[in-house]
């Protein structure tokens, strides 16, 4: 998928470029900066000495030397001074400058740390939102895979209010599902997988002939056919849809060309989000892929929470899924 949030050591990432959260001197420091210089070796510092430093919000590029990455993009994030000194704009500029350098050097895969969220003191939840929003916006017009690399859980925080609301939403549904007997759970899952009569695609007794013909034509639709129909109905382009779904173009091409393609559950849900389907239509799309929403799954409940609140920003949904240790939406 184009934007992935992962737990990893950025110095071990096998990508075209990793991004270094540097200081203005570009001569090394602590945290991510120091780790990258140690892993790359002294040649990295020698090249950095020739660059003449870097202004806050800008970026410069060097070779990767001993790193698995071909390049290191050095960017300087802002020091947090309360939020009223242009910090957000400078942080956005640091991400965009880095991404533009990556494009200029034909990088197809880039790994970022969470810039300015360490010793520079930028609040982690706000730093995360800037990162996800800026990268997500950039990827709407560029084909690239970007990794947002989180070294450990302490370095990752979503907004406290959002976390609490989602946790409460999960508790209201997940606990009920897990306090039922196993037999009750099996019955509930079976019912979720089967469309109820009143939600059926058509009702022969009440539907006009033309409506019946249309409903019958949809009855045997595959997932691929339903997806393409929905894209047309919403007057979207293919690219608009797969980018909103955080899906790679190559995967979308496979789905489009294979009428019987069976996507994974995160992929099917991602398209339901991209199409901004209400919950019942999202359920229908999931059924076409052979799945069902389940209150025995935190993953399903979190996605349901965002649909219920009409928030179809897939990157924000993935932030929440990552915070709750769930799979992410996308290919």
Protein backbone atom coordinates (compact mmCIF):
# COMPACT_ATOMS: atom_id res chain seq x y z
CA UNK A 1 0.00 0.00 0.00
CA UNK A 2 1.29 3.54 -0.68
CA UNK A 3 1.48 4.64 3.00
CA UNK A 4 2.36 2.13 5.67
CA UNK A 5 2.93 2.67 9.38
CA UNK A 6 5.44 0.11 10.62
CA UNK A 7 7.46 -0.69 13.72
CA UNK A 8 11.08 -1.05 12.71
CA UNK A 9 14.61 0.31 12.97
CA UNK A 10 14.85 2.80 10.11
CA UNK A 11 18.55 2.04 9.59
CA UNK A 12 17.66 -1.51 8.51
CA UNK A 13 14.96 -0.54 5.98
CA UNK A 14 15.67 -1.80 2.44
CA UNK A 15 14.23 1.17 0.58
CA UNK A 16 15.47 3.65 -1.99
CA UNK A 17 15.81 6.39 0.62
CA UNK A 18 15.51 6.86 4.34
CA UNK A 19 14.86 10.27 5.86
CA UNK A 20 17.10 11.56 8.62
CA UNK A 21 15.65 13.93 11.22
CA UNK A 22 18.77 16.10 11.27
CA UNK A 23 19.83 19.38 12.86
CA UNK A 24 20.76 22.45 10.82
CA UNK A 25 24.48 21.61 10.82
CA UNK A 26 23.87 18.16 9.25
CA UNK A 27 26.90 16.97 11.25
CA UNK A 28 25.15 14.34 13.30
CA UNK A 29 23.48 14.33 16.67
CA UNK A 30 21.44 12.10 18.93
CA UNK A 31 18.38 9.94 18.39
CA UNK A 32 17.59 8.92 14.80
CA UNK A 33 20.28 11.26 13.46
CA UNK A 34 23.04 9.60 15.48
CA UNK A 35 21.78 6.09 14.70
CA UNK A 36 21.80 6.77 10.95
CA UNK A 37 25.33 8.21 11.03
CA UNK A 38 26.62 5.24 13.04
CA UNK A 39 25.03 2.75 10.65
CA UNK A 40 26.16 4.58 7.49
CA UNK A 41 29.76 5.04 8.59
CA UNK A 42 32.16 8.02 8.49
CA UNK A 43 31.70 8.61 4.75
CA UNK A 44 28.21 9.97 5.42
CA UNK A 45 29.55 12.64 7.76
CA UNK A 46 32.29 13.51 5.25
CA UNK A 47 29.68 14.14 2.53
CA UNK A 48 27.46 16.08 4.93
CA UNK A 49 30.36 18.45 5.65
CA UNK A 50 30.25 19.53 1.99
CA UNK A 51 26.55 20.51 2.08
CA UNK A 52 26.81 23.71 4.08
CA UNK A 53 24.06 22.79 6.51
CA UNK A 54 20.31 22.90 5.94
CA UNK A 55 17.57 25.34 6.97
CA UNK A 56 14.60 24.24 9.07
CA UNK A 57 11.84 22.90 6.83
CA UNK A 58 14.22 22.11 3.97
CA UNK A 59 16.01 18.91 2.90
CA UNK A 60 19.26 17.75 1.29
CA UNK A 61 20.30 14.35 -0.04
CA UNK A 62 23.42 12.17 0.25
CA UNK A 63 24.41 8.62 -0.58
CA UNK A 64 23.50 5.86 1.86
CA UNK A 65 26.97 4.30 2.13
CA UNK A 66 26.77 1.30 4.50
CA UNK A 67 23.00 1.55 4.87
CA UNK A 68 20.67 -0.76 2.90
CA UNK A 69 19.09 2.43 1.48
CA UNK A 70 20.65 4.04 -1.59
CA UNK A 71 20.10 7.55 -0.29
CA UNK A 72 19.72 9.47 2.93
CA UNK A 73 17.47 12.53 2.76
CA UNK A 74 18.39 14.89 5.59
CA UNK A 75 15.62 17.23 6.73
CA UNK A 76 15.40 19.63 9.64
CA UNK A 77 12.15 19.72 11.58
CA UNK A 78 11.11 22.59 13.84
CA UNK A 79 11.74 22.82 17.56
CA UNK A 80 8.39 22.99 19.39
CA UNK A 81 7.89 26.41 20.99
CA UNK A 82 4.22 26.20 21.86
CA UNK A 83 2.75 25.95 18.37
CA UNK A 84 2.45 29.67 17.59
CA UNK A 85 5.81 30.10 15.84
CA UNK A 86 5.04 28.43 12.52
CA UNK A 87 6.00 24.95 13.72
CA UNK A 88 3.23 23.17 11.79
CA UNK A 89 4.07 24.89 8.50
CA UNK A 90 7.79 24.13 8.95
CA UNK A 91 7.05 20.47 9.72
CA UNK A 92 4.83 20.17 6.64
CA UNK A 93 7.63 21.76 4.59
CA UNK A 94 10.17 19.24 5.98
CA UNK A 95 8.03 16.33 4.79
CA UNK A 96 7.20 17.87 1.41
CA UNK A 97 10.80 18.91 0.70
CA UNK A 98 11.94 15.36 1.47
CA UNK A 99 9.28 13.81 -0.76
CA UNK A 100 10.09 16.16 -3.63
CA UNK A 101 13.78 15.26 -3.36
CA UNK A 102 12.84 11.59 -3.43
CA UNK A 103 10.81 12.11 -6.62
CA UNK A 104 13.67 14.08 -8.21
CA UNK A 105 16.01 11.13 -7.57
CA UNK A 106 13.47 8.57 -8.84
CA UNK A 107 12.94 6.93 -5.46
CA UNK A 108 9.98 4.57 -5.39
CA UNK A 109 10.23 3.65 -1.71
CA UNK A 110 10.96 6.07 1.15
CA UNK A 111 11.05 5.58 4.92
CA UNK A 112 10.43 8.46 7.37
CA UNK A 113 10.85 8.70 11.12
CA UNK A 114 8.34 10.81 13.04
CA UNK A 115 10.14 14.13 12.53
CA UNK A 116 10.53 16.56 15.47
CA UNK A 117 8.72 14.25 17.91
CA UNK A 118 11.84 13.41 19.96
CA UNK A 119 14.16 15.92 21.62
CA UNK A 120 12.62 18.73 19.53
CA UNK A 121 9.47 18.27 21.63
CA UNK A 122 6.73 18.39 19.01
CA UNK A 123 3.66 16.73 20.63
CA UNK A 124 3.59 13.20 19.28
CA UNK A 125 -0.10 13.08 18.38
CA UNK A 126 0.17 16.36 16.47
CA UNK A 127 3.43 15.31 14.80
CA UNK A 128 1.76 12.09 13.68
CA UNK A 129 -1.22 13.93 12.20
CA UNK A 130 1.02 16.31 10.24
CA UNK A 131 3.07 13.38 8.94
CA UNK A 132 0.08 11.30 7.84
CA UNK A 133 -1.85 14.22 6.34
CA UNK A 134 1.16 15.61 4.44
CA UNK A 135 2.35 12.26 3.10
CA UNK A 136 -1.20 11.19 2.26
CA UNK A 137 -1.84 14.42 0.35
CA UNK A 138 1.42 14.01 -1.59
CA UNK A 139 0.59 10.42 -2.55
CA UNK A 140 -2.67 11.49 -4.18
CA UNK A 141 -0.61 12.84 -7.08
CA UNK A 142 2.49 10.60 -6.94
CA UNK A 143 3.04 6.85 -7.22
CA UNK A 144 5.37 5.94 -4.39
CA UNK A 145 5.43 3.70 -1.33
CA UNK A 146 6.15 5.56 1.90
CA UNK A 147 6.83 3.97 5.27
CA UNK A 148 6.31 5.90 8.48
CA UNK A 149 8.68 4.07 10.80
CA UNK A 150 7.89 3.93 14.51
CA UNK A 151 10.74 2.55 16.60
CA UNK A 152 8.65 1.71 19.66
CA UNK A 153 5.19 2.20 21.17
CA UNK A 154 6.33 5.19 23.26
CA UNK A 155 7.07 7.08 20.03
CA UNK A 156 3.51 6.71 18.76
CA UNK A 157 0.42 8.48 20.08
CA UNK A 158 -2.94 9.33 18.52
CA UNK A 159 -5.15 12.00 20.07
CA UNK A 160 -6.26 11.08 23.57
CA UNK A 161 -9.90 11.99 22.93
CA UNK A 162 -10.04 9.90 19.75
CA UNK A 163 -8.33 6.95 21.45
CA UNK A 164 -10.82 7.09 24.35
CA UNK A 165 -13.83 7.30 22.04
CA UNK A 166 -12.69 4.34 19.95
CA UNK A 167 -11.82 2.33 23.07
CA UNK A 168 -15.31 2.97 24.45
CA UNK A 169 -16.89 2.04 21.10
CA UNK A 170 -14.93 -1.23 21.10
CA UNK A 171 -15.90 -1.97 24.70
CA UNK A 172 -19.60 -1.50 23.97
CA UNK A 173 -19.46 -4.07 21.17
CA UNK A 174 -16.42 -6.31 21.55
CA UNK A 175 -17.06 -7.34 25.15
CA UNK A 176 -20.65 -8.35 24.38
CA UNK A 177 -19.46 -10.58 21.57
CA UNK A 178 -16.90 -12.26 23.80
CA UNK A 179 -19.16 -12.86 26.76
CA UNK A 180 -21.63 -14.86 24.67
CA UNK A 181 -21.43 -18.61 24.66
CA UNK A 182 -19.49 -20.16 21.79
CA UNK A 183 -22.71 -21.44 20.28
CA UNK A 184 -24.25 -17.95 20.39
CA UNK A 185 -21.13 -16.50 18.80
CA UNK A 186 -21.33 -19.07 15.96
CA UNK A 187 -24.97 -18.20 15.34
CA UNK A 188 -24.21 -14.47 15.38
CA UNK A 189 -21.34 -14.91 12.91
CA UNK A 190 -23.54 -17.00 10.64
CA UNK A 191 -26.25 -14.35 10.69
CA UNK A 192 -23.71 -11.61 9.94
CA UNK A 193 -22.49 -13.55 6.92
CA UNK A 194 -26.01 -14.01 5.52
CA UNK A 195 -28.00 -11.02 4.21
CA UNK A 196 -31.30 -10.65 6.06
CA UNK A 197 -34.46 -10.93 4.03
CA UNK A 198 -35.41 -7.27 4.39
CA UNK A 199 -31.90 -6.27 3.27
CA UNK A 200 -32.05 -8.47 0.20
CA UNK A 201 -31.03 -6.90 -3.09
CA UNK A 202 -34.61 -7.14 -4.36
CA UNK A 203 -38.15 -7.99 -3.36
CA UNK A 204 -40.13 -9.59 -6.23
CA UNK A 205 -43.46 -8.66 -4.65
CA UNK A 206 -42.81 -4.95 -4.48
CA UNK A 207 -40.26 -4.12 -7.12
CA UNK A 208 -41.15 -2.79 -10.57
CA UNK A 209 -39.99 -4.93 -13.54
CA UNK A 210 -37.19 -2.57 -14.50
CA UNK A 211 -35.98 -2.48 -10.88
CA UNK A 212 -36.21 -6.26 -10.69
CA UNK A 213 -34.11 -6.65 -13.83
CA UNK A 214 -31.49 -4.33 -12.38
CA UNK A 215 -31.48 -6.15 -9.04
CA UNK A 216 -31.19 -9.56 -10.72
CA UNK A 217 -28.26 -8.31 -12.77
CA UNK A 218 -26.49 -7.35 -9.52
CA UNK A 219 -27.28 -10.59 -7.73
CA UNK A 220 -24.39 -12.54 -9.24
CA UNK A 221 -21.95 -9.63 -9.35
CA UNK A 222 -18.42 -10.44 -8.34
CA UNK A 223 -16.45 -8.16 -6.04
CA UNK A 224 -14.59 -6.74 -9.04
CA UNK A 225 -17.80 -5.99 -10.92
CA UNK A 226 -19.41 -4.34 -7.91
CA UNK A 227 -16.30 -2.23 -7.30
CA UNK A 228 -16.15 -0.96 -10.88
CA UNK A 229 -19.89 -0.23 -10.88
CA UNK A 230 -19.61 1.76 -7.67
CA UNK A 231 -16.67 3.74 -9.07
CA UNK A 232 -18.75 4.65 -12.12
CA UNK A 233 -21.80 5.53 -10.02
CA UNK A 234 -19.72 7.96 -7.98
CA UNK A 235 -18.12 9.39 -11.13
CA UNK A 236 -14.64 8.69 -9.82
CA UNK A 237 -11.61 7.80 -11.89
CA UNK A 238 -9.80 4.54 -11.18
CA UNK A 239 -6.80 6.49 -9.88
CA UNK A 240 -8.94 8.56 -7.52
CA UNK A 241 -10.41 5.38 -6.09
CA UNK A 242 -7.27 3.31 -5.58
CA UNK A 243 -5.35 6.26 -4.13
CA UNK A 244 -8.17 7.02 -1.67
CA UNK A 245 -8.12 3.31 -0.79
CA UNK A 246 -4.35 3.36 -0.13
CA UNK A 247 -4.02 0.64 -2.78
CA UNK A 248 -1.09 0.14 -5.12
CA UNK A 249 -1.87 0.74 -8.81
CA UNK A 250 -0.59 -2.74 -9.76
CA UNK A 251 -2.97 -4.43 -7.33
CA UNK A 252 -5.89 -2.38 -8.66
CA UNK A 253 -4.98 -3.47 -12.19
CA UNK A 254 -5.18 -7.11 -11.10
CA UNK A 255 -8.61 -6.56 -9.58
CA UNK A 256 -9.88 -4.74 -12.67
CA UNK A 257 -8.61 -7.39 -15.08
CA UNK A 258 -9.79 -10.45 -13.11
CA UNK A 259 -13.56 -10.65 -12.67
CA UNK A 260 -13.12 -13.43 -10.09
CA UNK A 261 -10.41 -11.69 -8.04
CA UNK A 262 -10.79 -12.33 -4.29
CA UNK A 263 -9.26 -9.50 -2.24
CA UNK A 264 -8.11 -9.69 1.36
CA UNK A 265 -10.45 -8.26 3.98
CA UNK A 266 -8.32 -5.10 4.52
CA UNK A 267 -8.34 -4.49 0.75
CA UNK A 268 -12.11 -4.94 0.45
CA UNK A 269 -12.69 -2.63 3.42
CA UNK A 270 -10.28 -0.07 1.97
CA UNK A 271 -12.36 0.21 -1.19
CA UNK A 272 -15.56 0.56 0.86
CA UNK A 273 -13.89 3.47 2.66
CA UNK A 274 -12.60 5.04 -0.58
CA UNK A 275 -16.11 4.90 -2.05
CA UNK A 276 -17.51 6.39 1.19
CA UNK A 277 -20.12 3.68 1.46
CA UNK A 278 -22.65 3.74 4.31
CA UNK A 279 -22.46 0.75 6.63
CA UNK A 280 -25.03 -1.44 4.86
CA UNK A 281 -23.40 -0.93 1.46
CA UNK A 282 -19.99 -1.58 3.03
CA UNK A 283 -21.36 -4.86 4.42
CA UNK A 284 -22.59 -5.78 0.95
CA UNK A 285 -19.20 -5.07 -0.63
CA UNK A 286 -17.49 -7.14 2.05
CA UNK A 287 -19.89 -10.04 1.40
CA UNK A 288 -18.96 -9.96 -2.30
CA UNK A 289 -15.39 -10.63 -1.20
CA UNK A 290 -16.50 -13.47 1.10
CA UNK A 291 -16.27 -11.60 4.42
CA UNK A 292 -18.58 -10.05 7.01
CA UNK A 293 -18.36 -7.35 9.67
CA UNK A 294 -17.99 -8.98 13.08
CA UNK A 295 -18.18 -7.57 16.59
CA UNK A 296 -15.78 -10.32 17.60
CA UNK A 297 -13.06 -8.42 15.73
CA UNK A 298 -11.52 -5.16 16.99
CA UNK A 299 -10.38 -4.45 13.44
CA UNK A 300 -13.97 -4.57 12.17
CA UNK A 301 -15.31 -2.49 15.07
CA UNK A 302 -12.73 0.27 14.55
CA UNK A 303 -13.54 0.52 10.84
CA UNK A 304 -17.24 0.50 11.71
CA UNK A 305 -16.63 3.37 14.18
CA UNK A 306 -15.22 5.58 11.43
CA UNK A 307 -17.99 4.70 8.96
CA UNK A 308 -20.60 5.43 11.63
CA UNK A 309 -18.98 8.84 12.19
CA UNK A 310 -18.72 9.42 8.41
CA UNK A 311 -14.96 9.80 8.58
CA UNK A 312 -13.62 8.19 5.42
CA UNK A 313 -10.01 9.40 5.69
CA UNK A 314 -8.18 6.10 5.29
CA UNK A 315 -4.94 7.46 6.73
CA UNK A 316 -6.66 8.54 9.94
CA UNK A 317 -8.33 5.15 10.14
CA UNK A 318 -4.96 3.45 9.76
CA UNK A 319 -3.51 5.64 12.53
CA UNK A 320 -6.20 4.30 14.85
CA UNK A 321 -5.81 0.70 13.68
CA UNK A 322 -2.06 0.87 14.30
CA UNK A 323 -2.63 2.33 17.76
CA UNK A 324 -4.81 -0.68 18.62
CA UNK A 325 -2.33 -3.20 17.11
CA UNK A 326 -4.58 -4.10 14.17
CA UNK A 327 -3.91 -4.72 10.49
CA UNK A 328 -4.02 -1.62 8.30
CA UNK A 329 -6.38 -0.90 5.42
CA UNK A 330 -4.97 -1.18 1.92
CA UNK A 331 -3.38 -3.69 -0.40
